[in-house]
Amino acid sequence: HLAWCGLIALKLARREGKVASALQVHIFIMQWLATAQKRKLFSKSLAEDIIWLQARGIRYGVDARLHRKLEYIWLVSSGELSQQSTVYRFTYLIDTLRTMGWHDHLLSGTDWRKGWKAGSDYPAIYTPKDELHAAFTSSGQLAKPLQLRLTGNASGIYPLLAQCRLAFEHLPDELGYTVICLLSEAEQLS
């Protein structure tokens, strides 16, 4: 309900011409959250969510992508996320990991083969750039498996993969990475 109300308020503000740029969207959502908190418009059970969104907005500014977070919350809670294309759900996975403090690295074929790593002090996800583009069809479906490498504590990614309805298998660790493989639609059926 919180996410739906925020998205509707934003849509109305856009329609009225009050919001156009990414900065204006960010400011609008931050003010909307502050008003919702001050006026206690939502149940106490949502107070932590409001505070979390505000903290992200303060810490990361426009890069917090509060609009995308509200969309994601709405899609997950309404069941709409599972109806989106695989590339859309994969993008949401990456965006959510970023908001959780993960680093996202697209690697060239050479760097992928060499096992390039930015460092192991923080959680990161590594995607082979050439494979990424080739793995998805023009309609956004995963046509072939896509291998991903993870550093740091990867335990939090598994529930997120399930939430994004991305089928995967855990492969043997290699080069100091946790390795997962996203399964294509064809592999899921077999």
C-alpha atoms as a PDB file:
ATOM      1  CA  HIS A   1       0.000   0.000   0.000  1.00  0.00           C
ATOM      2  CA  LEU A   2       2.852   2.376   0.845  1.00  0.00           C
ATOM      3  CA  ALA A   3       4.559   1.789  -2.507  1.00  0.00           C
ATOM      4  CA  TRP A   4       1.300   2.067  -4.440  1.00  0.00           C
ATOM      5  CA  CYS A   5       0.420   5.374  -2.756  1.00  0.00           C
ATOM      6  CA  GLY A   6       3.885   6.777  -3.393  1.00  0.00           C
ATOM      7  CA  LEU A   7       3.782   5.797  -7.071  1.00  0.00           C
ATOM      8  CA  ILE A   8       0.304   7.301  -7.529  1.00  0.00           C
ATOM      9  CA  ALA A   9       1.361  10.541  -5.795  1.00  0.00           C
ATOM     10  CA  LEU A  10       4.398  10.742  -8.080  1.00  0.00           C
ATOM     11  CA  LYS A  11       2.298  10.073 -11.181  1.00  0.00           C
ATOM     12  CA  LEU A  12      -0.130  12.828 -10.202  1.00  0.00           C
ATOM     13  CA  ALA A  13       2.735  15.260  -9.571  1.00  0.00           C
ATOM     14  CA  ARG A  14       4.166  14.430 -13.010  1.00  0.00           C
ATOM     15  CA  ARG A  15       0.778  14.943 -14.631  1.00  0.00           C
ATOM     16  CA  GLU A  16       0.490  18.353 -12.946  1.00  0.00           C
ATOM     17  CA  GLY A  17       3.967  19.289 -14.227  1.00  0.00           C
ATOM     18  CA  LYS A  18       5.504  19.538 -10.745  1.00  0.00           C
ATOM     19  CA  VAL A  19       8.056  16.792 -11.378  1.00  0.00           C
ATOM     20  CA  ALA A  20      10.152  16.321 -14.518  1.00  0.00           C
ATOM     21  CA  SER A  21      13.826  15.660 -13.752  1.00  0.00           C
ATOM     22  CA  ALA A  22      15.430  12.873 -11.733  1.00  0.00           C
ATOM     23  CA  LEU A  23      16.331  15.399  -9.021  1.00  0.00           C
ATOM     24  CA  GLN A  24      12.735  16.603  -8.808  1.00  0.00           C
ATOM     25  CA  VAL A  25      11.537  12.990  -8.516  1.00  0.00           C
ATOM     26  CA  HIS A  26      13.997  12.391  -5.690  1.00  0.00           C
ATOM     27  CA  ILE A  27      12.986  15.564  -3.829  1.00  0.00           C
ATOM     28  CA  PHE A  28       9.291  14.803  -4.304  1.00  0.00           C
ATOM     29  CA  ILE A  29       9.588  11.269  -2.934  1.00  0.00           C
ATOM     30  CA  MET A  30      11.718  12.432   0.022  1.00  0.00           C
ATOM     31  CA  GLN A  31       9.124  15.099   0.881  1.00  0.00           C
ATOM     32  CA  TRP A  32       6.293  12.633   0.397  1.00  0.00           C
ATOM     33  CA  LEU A  33       7.960  10.147   2.759  1.00  0.00           C
ATOM     34  CA  ALA A  34       8.555  12.884   5.360  1.00  0.00           C
ATOM     35  CA  THR A  35       4.910  13.933   5.161  1.00  0.00           C
ATOM     36  CA  ALA A  36       3.719  10.328   5.419  1.00  0.00           C
ATOM     37  CA  GLN A  37       5.888   9.826   8.488  1.00  0.00           C
ATOM     38  CA  LYS A  38       4.955  13.115  10.142  1.00  0.00           C
ATOM     39  CA  ARG A  39       1.213  12.659   9.604  1.00  0.00           C
ATOM     40  CA  LYS A  40       1.374   8.924  10.415  1.00  0.00           C
ATOM     41  CA  LEU A  41      -0.497   8.072   7.228  1.00  0.00           C
ATOM     42  CA  PHE A  42       0.523   4.406   7.327  1.00  0.00           C
ATOM     43  CA  SER A  43       0.520   1.739  10.011  1.00  0.00           C
ATOM     44  CA  LYS A  44       3.390   1.474  12.479  1.00  0.00           C
ATOM     45  CA  SER A  45       4.513  -1.706  10.754  1.00  0.00           C
ATOM     46  CA  LEU A  46       5.591   0.416   7.759  1.00  0.00           C
ATOM     47  CA  ALA A  47       7.549   2.963   9.815  1.00  0.00           C
ATOM     48  CA  GLU A  48      10.793   1.002   9.390  1.00  0.00           C
ATOM     49  CA  ASP A  49      10.296   0.898   5.623  1.00  0.00           C
ATOM     50  CA  ILE A  50       9.740   4.655   5.479  1.00  0.00           C
ATOM     51  CA  ILE A  51      12.827   5.284   7.606  1.00  0.00           C
ATOM     52  CA  TRP A  52      14.879   2.907   5.452  1.00  0.00           C
ATOM     53  CA  LEU A  53      13.796   4.663   2.244  1.00  0.00           C
ATOM     54  CA  GLN A  54      14.558   8.069   3.757  1.00  0.00           C
ATOM     55  CA  ALA A  55      17.992   6.916   4.945  1.00  0.00           C
ATOM     56  CA  ARG A  56      18.797   5.640   1.455  1.00  0.00           C
ATOM     57  CA  GLY A  57      17.601   8.911  -0.052  1.00  0.00           C
ATOM     58  CA  ILE A  58      19.767  10.950   2.309  1.00  0.00           C
ATOM     59  CA  ARG A  59      22.824   8.754   1.908  1.00  0.00           C
ATOM     60  CA  TYR A  60      22.789   8.316  -1.868  1.00  0.00           C
ATOM     61  CA  GLY A  61      20.755  11.283  -3.091  1.00  0.00           C
ATOM     62  CA  VAL A  62      19.420  10.860  -6.613  1.00  0.00           C
ATOM     63  CA  ASP A  63      21.501   7.684  -6.958  1.00  0.00           C
ATOM     64  CA  ALA A  64      19.248   6.029  -4.364  1.00  0.00           C
ATOM     65  CA  ARG A  65      16.666   5.624  -7.146  1.00  0.00           C
ATOM     66  CA  LEU A  66      13.753   5.818  -4.734  1.00  0.00           C
ATOM     67  CA  HIS A  67      11.271   5.683  -7.592  1.00  0.00           C
ATOM     68  CA  ARG A  68      12.728   2.338  -8.721  1.00  0.00           C
ATOM     69  CA  LYS A  69      12.614   1.055  -5.140  1.00  0.00           C
ATOM     70  CA  LEU A  70       8.942   1.937  -4.817  1.00  0.00           C
ATOM     71  CA  GLU A  71       8.270   0.252  -8.166  1.00  0.00           C
ATOM     72  CA  TYR A  72      10.157  -2.835  -7.034  1.00  0.00           C
ATOM     73  CA  ILE A  73       8.295  -3.013  -3.721  1.00  0.00           C
ATOM     74  CA  TRP A  74       5.012  -2.680  -5.598  1.00  0.00           C
ATOM     75  CA  LEU A  75       5.928  -5.302  -8.202  1.00  0.00           C
ATOM     76  CA  VAL A  76       7.071  -7.830  -5.602  1.00  0.00           C
ATOM     77  CA  SER A  77       4.169  -7.337  -3.209  1.00  0.00           C
ATOM     78  CA  SER A  78       1.517  -7.357  -5.939  1.00  0.00           C
ATOM     79  CA  GLY A  79       2.937 -10.377  -7.760  1.00  0.00           C
ATOM     80  CA  GLU A  80       3.523  -8.289 -10.890  1.00  0.00           C
ATOM     81  CA  LEU A  81       7.307  -8.876 -10.871  1.00  0.00           C
ATOM     82  CA  SER A  82       6.927 -12.500 -11.897  1.00  0.00           C
ATOM     83  CA  GLN A  83       5.062 -11.371 -15.021  1.00  0.00           C
ATOM     84  CA  GLN A  84       7.924  -9.155 -16.215  1.00  0.00           C
ATOM     85  CA  SER A  85      10.556 -10.301 -18.715  1.00  0.00           C
ATOM     86  CA  THR A  86      13.669 -12.062 -17.477  1.00  0.00           C
ATOM     87  CA  VAL A  87      15.922  -9.139 -18.432  1.00  0.00           C
ATOM     88  CA  TYR A  88      13.680  -6.810 -16.410  1.00  0.00           C
ATOM     89  CA  ARG A  89      13.851  -9.104 -13.368  1.00  0.00           C
ATOM     90  CA  PHE A  90      17.637  -9.456 -13.791  1.00  0.00           C
ATOM     91  CA  THR A  91      17.991  -5.664 -13.921  1.00  0.00           C
ATOM     92  CA  TYR A  92      15.959  -5.389 -10.725  1.00  0.00           C
ATOM     93  CA  LEU A  93      18.236  -7.961  -9.107  1.00  0.00           C
ATOM     94  CA  ILE A  94      21.310  -5.880  -9.969  1.00  0.00           C
ATOM     95  CA  ASP A  95      19.675  -2.601  -8.883  1.00  0.00           C
ATOM     96  CA  THR A  96      18.598  -4.128  -5.586  1.00  0.00           C
ATOM     97  CA  LEU A  97      22.076  -5.504  -4.936  1.00  0.00           C
ATOM     98  CA  ARG A  98      23.509  -2.029  -5.568  1.00  0.00           C
ATOM     99  CA  THR A  99      21.163  -0.520  -3.010  1.00  0.00           C
ATOM    100  CA  MET A 100      22.312  -3.183  -0.544  1.00  0.00           C
ATOM    101  CA  GLY A 101      25.899  -1.982  -0.954  1.00  0.00           C
ATOM    102  CA  TRP A 102      27.029  -4.463  -3.581  1.00  0.00           C
ATOM    103  CA  HIS A 103      29.317  -3.422  -6.413  1.00  0.00           C
ATOM    104  CA  ASP A 104      28.418  -4.378  -9.961  1.00  0.00           C
ATOM    105  CA  HIS A 105      31.166  -5.075 -12.501  1.00  0.00           C
ATOM    106  CA  LEU A 106      30.694  -5.789 -16.213  1.00  0.00           C
ATOM    107  CA  LEU A 107      33.843  -7.522 -17.407  1.00  0.00           C
ATOM    108  CA  SER A 108      35.331  -7.809 -20.863  1.00  0.00           C
ATOM    109  CA  GLY A 109      35.959 -11.316 -22.155  1.00  0.00           C
ATOM    110  CA  THR A 110      39.664 -10.978 -21.359  1.00  0.00           C
ATOM    111  CA  ASP A 111      39.074  -9.813 -17.779  1.00  0.00           C
ATOM    112  CA  TRP A 112      36.481 -12.561 -17.284  1.00  0.00           C
ATOM    113  CA  ARG A 113      38.871 -15.282 -18.441  1.00  0.00           C
ATOM    114  CA  LYS A 114      41.682 -13.892 -16.255  1.00  0.00           C
ATOM    115  CA  GLY A 115      39.361 -13.810 -13.233  1.00  0.00           C
ATOM    116  CA  TRP A 116      39.748 -10.062 -12.636  1.00  0.00           C
ATOM    117  CA  LYS A 117      38.565  -9.027  -9.194  1.00  0.00           C
ATOM    118  CA  ALA A 118      38.153  -5.517  -7.764  1.00  0.00           C
ATOM    119  CA  GLY A 119      38.822  -6.732  -4.228  1.00  0.00           C
ATOM    120  CA  SER A 120      37.307  -9.041  -1.705  1.00  0.00           C
ATOM    121  CA  ASP A 121      36.551  -6.563   1.079  1.00  0.00           C
ATOM    122  CA  TYR A 122      33.036  -5.915  -0.161  1.00  0.00           C
ATOM    123  CA  PRO A 123      30.281  -7.904  -1.854  1.00  0.00           C
ATOM    124  CA  ALA A 124      30.323  -7.673  -5.629  1.00  0.00           C
ATOM    125  CA  ILE A 125      28.701  -9.301  -8.622  1.00  0.00           C
ATOM    126  CA  TYR A 126      30.673  -9.837 -11.822  1.00  0.00           C
ATOM    127  CA  THR A 127      28.975 -10.324 -15.179  1.00  0.00           C
ATOM    128  CA  PRO A 128      30.675 -11.115 -18.503  1.00  0.00           C
ATOM    129  CA  LYS A 129      29.637  -8.216 -20.743  1.00  0.00           C
ATOM    130  CA  ASP A 130      29.807 -10.142 -24.027  1.00  0.00           C
ATOM    131  CA  GLU A 131      27.790 -13.027 -22.597  1.00  0.00           C
ATOM    132  CA  LEU A 132      25.208 -10.688 -21.071  1.00  0.00           C
ATOM    133  CA  HIS A 133      24.272  -9.150 -24.392  1.00  0.00           C
ATOM    134  CA  ALA A 134      24.189 -12.510 -26.158  1.00  0.00           C
ATOM    135  CA  ALA A 135      22.189 -14.268 -23.430  1.00  0.00           C
ATOM    136  CA  PHE A 136      18.982 -12.248 -23.770  1.00  0.00           C
ATOM    137  CA  THR A 137      16.625 -12.185 -26.737  1.00  0.00           C
ATOM    138  CA  SER A 138      15.142  -8.970 -28.105  1.00  0.00           C
ATOM    139  CA  SER A 139      11.973  -9.758 -26.115  1.00  0.00           C
ATOM    140  CA  GLY A 140      13.960  -9.930 -22.880  1.00  0.00           C
ATOM    141  CA  GLN A 141      13.974 -13.689 -22.366  1.00  0.00           C
ATOM    142  CA  LEU A 142      17.083 -15.569 -21.260  1.00  0.00           C
ATOM    143  CA  ALA A 143      17.981 -17.709 -24.277  1.00  0.00           C
ATOM    144  CA  LYS A 144      21.096 -19.355 -22.844  1.00  0.00           C
ATOM    145  CA  PRO A 145      22.642 -19.773 -19.384  1.00  0.00           C
ATOM    146  CA  LEU A 146      24.399 -16.768 -17.885  1.00  0.00           C
ATOM    147  CA  GLN A 147      27.207 -17.316 -15.409  1.00  0.00           C
ATOM    148  CA  LEU A 148      27.730 -14.777 -12.618  1.00  0.00           C
ATOM    149  CA  ARG A 149      30.575 -14.531 -10.110  1.00  0.00           C
ATOM    150  CA  LEU A 150      30.174 -13.203  -6.590  1.00  0.00           C
ATOM    151  CA  THR A 151      32.589 -12.021  -3.934  1.00  0.00           C
ATOM    152  CA  GLY A 152      31.897 -11.300  -0.288  1.00  0.00           C
ATOM    153  CA  ASN A 153      29.059 -12.866   1.659  1.00  0.00           C
ATOM    154  CA  ALA A 154      26.779 -14.169  -1.076  1.00  0.00           C
ATOM    155  CA  SER A 155      24.163 -15.753   1.206  1.00  0.00           C
ATOM    156  CA  GLY A 156      21.767 -12.810   0.807  1.00  0.00           C
ATOM    157  CA  ILE A 157      21.567 -13.193  -2.957  1.00  0.00           C
ATOM    158  CA  TYR A 158      19.720 -16.515  -2.929  1.00  0.00           C
ATOM    159  CA  PRO A 159      16.438 -15.222  -1.452  1.00  0.00           C
ATOM    160  CA  LEU A 160      16.679 -12.228  -3.784  1.00  0.00           C
ATOM    161  CA  LEU A 161      17.088 -14.510  -6.813  1.00  0.00           C
ATOM    162  CA  ALA A 162      13.995 -16.406  -5.695  1.00  0.00           C
ATOM    163  CA  GLN A 163      12.076 -13.174  -5.150  1.00  0.00           C
ATOM    164  CA  CYS A 164      13.007 -12.036  -8.671  1.00  0.00           C
ATOM    165  CA  ARG A 165      11.906 -15.443  -9.980  1.00  0.00           C
ATOM    166  CA  LEU A 166      15.306 -16.122 -11.534  1.00  0.00           C
ATOM    167  CA  ALA A 167      16.093 -19.817 -11.794  1.00  0.00           C
ATOM    168  CA  PHE A 168      19.723 -20.639 -11.095  1.00  0.00           C
ATOM    169  CA  GLU A 169      22.126 -23.340 -10.110  1.00  0.00           C
ATOM    170  CA  HIS A 170      25.095 -23.015  -7.812  1.00  0.00           C
ATOM    171  CA  LEU A 171      28.302 -24.053  -9.572  1.00  0.00           C
ATOM    172  CA  PRO A 172      31.596 -25.004  -7.919  1.00  0.00           C
ATOM    173  CA  ASP A 173      33.533 -22.011  -6.631  1.00  0.00           C
ATOM    174  CA  GLU A 174      36.418 -20.909  -8.839  1.00  0.00           C
ATOM    175  CA  LEU A 175      39.208 -18.351  -8.628  1.00  0.00           C
ATOM    176  CA  GLY A 176      37.974 -17.288  -5.182  1.00  0.00           C
ATOM    177  CA  TYR A 177      34.460 -16.551  -6.447  1.00  0.00           C
ATOM    178  CA  THR A 178      31.087 -17.986  -5.602  1.00  0.00           C
ATOM    179  CA  VAL A 179      29.649 -18.934  -8.998  1.00  0.00           C
ATOM    180  CA  ILE A 180      26.002 -19.144  -9.984  1.00  0.00           C
ATOM    181  CA  CYS A 181      24.458 -19.754 -13.364  1.00  0.00           C
ATOM    182  CA  LEU A 182      21.123 -18.246 -14.349  1.00  0.00           C
ATOM    183  CA  LEU A 183      19.120 -20.849 -16.219  1.00  0.00           C
ATOM    184  CA  SER A 184      17.445 -20.136 -19.527  1.00  0.00           C
ATOM    185  CA  GLU A 185      13.737 -20.727 -19.938  1.00  0.00           C
ATOM    186  CA  ALA A 186      14.480 -23.860 -22.001  1.00  0.00           C
ATOM    187  CA  GLU A 187      16.674 -25.310 -19.231  1.00  0.00           C
ATOM    188  CA  GLN A 188      13.970 -24.671 -16.654  1.00  0.00           C
ATOM    189  CA  LEU A 189      11.490 -26.734 -18.674  1.00  0.00           C
ATOM    190  CA  SER A 190      13.825 -29.711 -19.085  1.00  0.00           C
END
